[in-house]
C-alpha atoms as a PDB file:
ATOM      1  CA  MET A   1       0.000   0.000   0.000  1.00  0.00           C
ATOM      2  CA  ASN A   2       1.292   3.401  -0.927  1.00  0.00           C
ATOM      3  CA  PHE A   3       0.390   6.075   1.616  1.00  0.00           C
ATOM      4  CA  SER A   4       1.357   9.674   1.209  1.00  0.00           C
ATOM      5  CA  ILE A   5       0.848  12.689   3.391  1.00  0.00           C
ATOM      6  CA  ASN A   6      -1.447  14.213   0.755  1.00  0.00           C
ATOM      7  CA  SER A   7      -3.710  11.138   0.675  1.00  0.00           C
ATOM      8  CA  ILE A   8      -3.970  11.144   4.485  1.00  0.00           C
ATOM      9  CA  TYR A   9      -4.752  14.867   4.429  1.00  0.00           C
ATOM     10  CA  GLN A  10      -7.471  14.394   1.777  1.00  0.00           C
ATOM     11  CA  TRP A  11      -9.040  11.556   3.787  1.00  0.00           C
ATOM     12  CA  TYR A  12      -8.975  13.655   6.971  1.00  0.00           C
ATOM     13  CA  LYS A  13     -10.483  16.674   5.228  1.00  0.00           C
ATOM     14  CA  GLU A  14     -13.299  14.729   3.549  1.00  0.00           C
ATOM     15  CA  THR A  15     -14.129  12.767   6.699  1.00  0.00           C
ATOM     16  CA  LEU A  16     -14.139  15.920   8.813  1.00  0.00           C
ATOM     17  CA  ARG A  17     -16.618  17.560   6.456  1.00  0.00           C
ATOM     18  CA  ASN A  18     -18.962  14.584   6.647  1.00  0.00           C
ATOM     19  CA  PRO A  19     -21.489  15.432   9.381  1.00  0.00           C
ATOM     20  CA  LYS A  20     -21.822  11.771  10.337  1.00  0.00           C
ATOM     21  CA  TYR A  21     -18.145  11.448  11.314  1.00  0.00           C
ATOM     22  CA  ARG A  22     -17.183  15.053  12.084  1.00  0.00           C
ATOM     23  CA  TRP A  23     -17.316  14.874  15.893  1.00  0.00           C
ATOM     24  CA  TRP A  24     -15.609  11.490  15.964  1.00  0.00           C
ATOM     25  CA  ILE A  25     -12.675  12.885  13.989  1.00  0.00           C
ATOM     26  CA  ILE A  26     -12.462  15.964  16.220  1.00  0.00           C
ATOM     27  CA  LEU A  27     -12.571  13.788  19.344  1.00  0.00           C
ATOM     28  CA  GLY A  28      -9.976  11.402  17.904  1.00  0.00           C
ATOM     29  CA  THR A  29      -7.672  14.279  17.038  1.00  0.00           C
ATOM     30  CA  CYS A  30      -7.950  15.696  20.558  1.00  0.00           C
ATOM     31  CA  VAL A  31      -7.259  12.263  22.063  1.00  0.00           C
ATOM     32  CA  TYR A  32      -4.205  11.930  19.800  1.00  0.00           C
ATOM     33  CA  LEU A  33      -2.899  15.316  20.921  1.00  0.00           C
ATOM     34  CA  PHE A  34      -3.146  14.451  24.621  1.00  0.00           C
ATOM     35  CA  SER A  35      -2.192  10.776  24.308  1.00  0.00           C
ATOM     36  CA  PRO A  36       1.327   9.610  25.146  1.00  0.00           C
ATOM     37  CA  ILE A  37       1.132   7.254  22.145  1.00  0.00           C
ATOM     38  CA  ASP A  38       2.125   9.282  19.076  1.00  0.00           C
ATOM     39  CA  ILE A  39       3.902   8.850  15.782  1.00  0.00           C
ATOM     40  CA  ALA A  40       6.819  10.630  17.448  1.00  0.00           C
ATOM     41  CA  PRO A  41       6.627  10.445  21.266  1.00  0.00           C
ATOM     42  CA  ASP A  42       6.656  13.759  23.099  1.00  0.00           C
ATOM     43  CA  PHE A  43       9.796  12.978  25.086  1.00  0.00           C
ATOM     44  CA  ILE A  44      11.849  13.249  21.870  1.00  0.00           C
ATOM     45  CA  PRO A  45      12.874  16.934  22.011  1.00  0.00           C
ATOM     46  CA  ILE A  46      11.813  18.438  18.660  1.00  0.00           C
ATOM     47  CA  ALA A  47      10.149  15.664  16.660  1.00  0.00           C
ATOM     48  CA  GLY A  48       7.719  14.935  19.497  1.00  0.00           C
ATOM     49  CA  GLN A  49       6.265  18.400  19.328  1.00  0.00           C
ATOM     50  CA  ILE A  50       6.330  18.720  15.523  1.00  0.00           C
ATOM     51  CA  ASP A  51       3.806  15.920  14.905  1.00  0.00           C
ATOM     52  CA  ASP A  52       1.444  17.315  17.552  1.00  0.00           C
ATOM     53  CA  LEU A  53       1.803  20.801  16.089  1.00  0.00           C
ATOM     54  CA  ALA A  54       1.087  19.481  12.582  1.00  0.00           C
ATOM     55  CA  VAL A  55      -2.057  17.651  13.712  1.00  0.00           C
ATOM     56  CA  LEU A  56      -3.216  20.676  15.727  1.00  0.00           C
ATOM     57  CA  THR A  57      -2.613  22.985  12.749  1.00  0.00           C
ATOM     58  CA  LEU A  58      -4.561  20.645  10.469  1.00  0.00           C
ATOM     59  CA  LEU A  59      -7.466  20.498  12.911  1.00  0.00           C
ATOM     60  CA  MET A  60      -7.574  24.273  13.406  1.00  0.00           C
ATOM     61  CA  ALA A  61      -7.394  24.942   9.653  1.00  0.00           C
ATOM     62  CA  GLU A  62     -10.253  22.587   8.868  1.00  0.00           C
ATOM     63  CA  LEU A  63     -12.415  23.843  11.751  1.00  0.00           C
ATOM     64  CA  SER A  64     -11.886  27.461  10.711  1.00  0.00           C
ATOM     65  CA  GLN A  65     -12.892  26.598   7.122  1.00  0.00           C
ATOM     66  CA  MET A  66     -16.018  24.839   8.397  1.00  0.00           C
ATOM     67  CA  PHE A  67     -16.997  27.796  10.582  1.00  0.00           C
ATOM     68  CA  ALA A  68     -16.262  30.295   7.808  1.00  0.00           C
ATOM     69  CA  GLY A  69     -18.447  28.291   5.406  1.00  0.00           C
ATOM     70  CA  ARG A  70     -21.242  28.114   7.942  1.00  0.00           C
ATOM     71  CA  LEU A  71     -21.007  31.852   8.626  1.00  0.00           C
ATOM     72  CA  LYS A  72     -21.044  32.608   4.902  1.00  0.00           C
ATOM     73  CA  SER A  73     -24.091  30.402   4.323  1.00  0.00           C
ATOM     74  CA  ARG A  74     -25.877  32.202   7.171  1.00  0.00           C
ATOM     75  CA  GLN A  75     -25.124  35.586   5.621  1.00  0.00           C
ATOM     76  CA  ASP A  76     -26.194  34.454   2.140  1.00  0.00           C
ATOM     77  CA  SER A  77     -29.598  33.198   3.233  1.00  0.00           C
ATOM     78  CA  PRO A  78     -31.950  36.034   4.156  1.00  0.00           C
ATOM     79  CA  GLY A  79     -33.615  35.652   7.503  1.00  0.00           C
ATOM     80  CA  PRO A  80     -36.992  36.980   8.618  1.00  0.00           C
ATOM     81  CA  GLU A  81     -35.383  40.247   9.763  1.00  0.00           C
ATOM     82  CA  ALA A  82     -34.245  41.080   6.229  1.00  0.00           C
ATOM     83  CA  SER A  83     -37.687  40.631   4.693  1.00  0.00           C
ATOM     84  CA  GLU A  84     -39.316  42.880   7.304  1.00  0.00           C
ATOM     85  CA  SER A  85     -36.792  45.682   6.979  1.00  0.00           C
ATOM     86  CA  GLU A  86     -37.012  45.746   3.183  1.00  0.00           C
ATOM     87  CA  ALA A  87     -40.810  46.039   3.122  1.00  0.00           C
ATOM     88  CA  THR A  88     -42.149  49.259   1.660  1.00  0.00           C
ATOM     89  CA  VAL A  89     -44.764  51.193   3.580  1.00  0.00           C
ATOM     90  CA  ASP A  90     -46.943  53.738   1.807  1.00  0.00           C
ATOM     91  CA  VAL A  91     -47.989  56.614   4.009  1.00  0.00           C
ATOM     92  CA  ASP A  92     -50.375  59.431   3.110  1.00  0.00           C
ATOM     93  CA  ALA A  93     -48.588  62.443   4.565  1.00  0.00           C
ATOM     94  CA  VAL A  94     -50.639  65.447   5.609  1.00  0.00           C
ATOM     95  CA  PRO A  95     -48.908  68.734   6.484  1.00  0.00           C
ATOM     96  CA  MET A  96     -49.624  69.993   9.979  1.00  0.00           C
ATOM     97  CA  GLN A  97     -50.966  73.525  10.483  1.00  0.00           C
ATOM     98  CA  ASP A  98     -50.085  75.606  13.544  1.00  0.00           C
END
């Protein structure tokens, strides 16, 4: 089997965007970050922190893209407030006499 970093990244990204598995992937990533069992153990001075930093960066990038997409979809769809504020009201104005 030929695994590459790009194929793992694509799998992670697609699975994270699937609502059925999203929270499992987030939970698994958090468990990996706090677990003593890593690709490179944390007691190795530099390499131990690099893999955790890479996984944390990947998680934060994907979560920020998800939240940005959700925020954009909220702004694109008009809510009930927009329809009320854009309604035109015709008023027959009468000047007041003193």
